Amino acid sequence: MRIVGGSLRGRGLEVPRGSDLRPTADRAREALFNILQHSNLMSTQLAGSRILDLFAGTGAIACEALSRGAAHATLVEQDRAALACARANLAALGLAERASVLQTDATRLPQATLPASFAYLDPPYRSGLAAPALDGLADGGWLAADALVVVELAAREDFGAPDRFTVRDERRYGAARLVFLNLSSGGE
């Protein structure tokens, strides 16, 4: 695994051996960030923004966003081994000062101190955790009014977005499906 764009392009990312982690593939990450930077789905620029990486695993999404100019990333992960890996990746890439790491259940978030412009959720496939995590983001003030949220699911996984979210687009990349959402008007 490696960073696919930005100032750290080509730098490697660690993945724990024998882990149950399923990092987002390089191809899907590259496509995601091309969409973020070159489409009208994200109303603000990635550069200078605050982002969230829920079910962060290795921290690959956060590291990629920071490499591409995001100002700050908050990583949320419950698993201690995954958190250690994410912290090691942030440190090895010199990104630790621009990141916060929370060891908590992504479906039971504390109140946010500052909202984010972009959130990426990569729950275990077919776990049913995406919708409760989306509700937690909205309830806890984690999302700016115009924030873009992307949920990674298995390609054929059933998913129903909570009513206060609007699906803007969907894309498939191999075994993964990315669903792009916004809070609906008045949905906070």
Foldseek 3Di string as FASTA:
>chain_A
DAQCDAQRHPHDADADPPDPDDDDDPVVLVVVVCCQQPHPLQVDHLAQWEEEEECCQLVNNVVNSVRRHHQAYEYEHQDPVSQVNNCVRCVVVVNNVRYHYHRDHLLADAADPAATQEYEAEPPAPPPRPQSSVVNCVVRVRHDQSHKYKYKYFPPGDDDHPPQKDFDDWDDDVRIIITIIGGHVVND
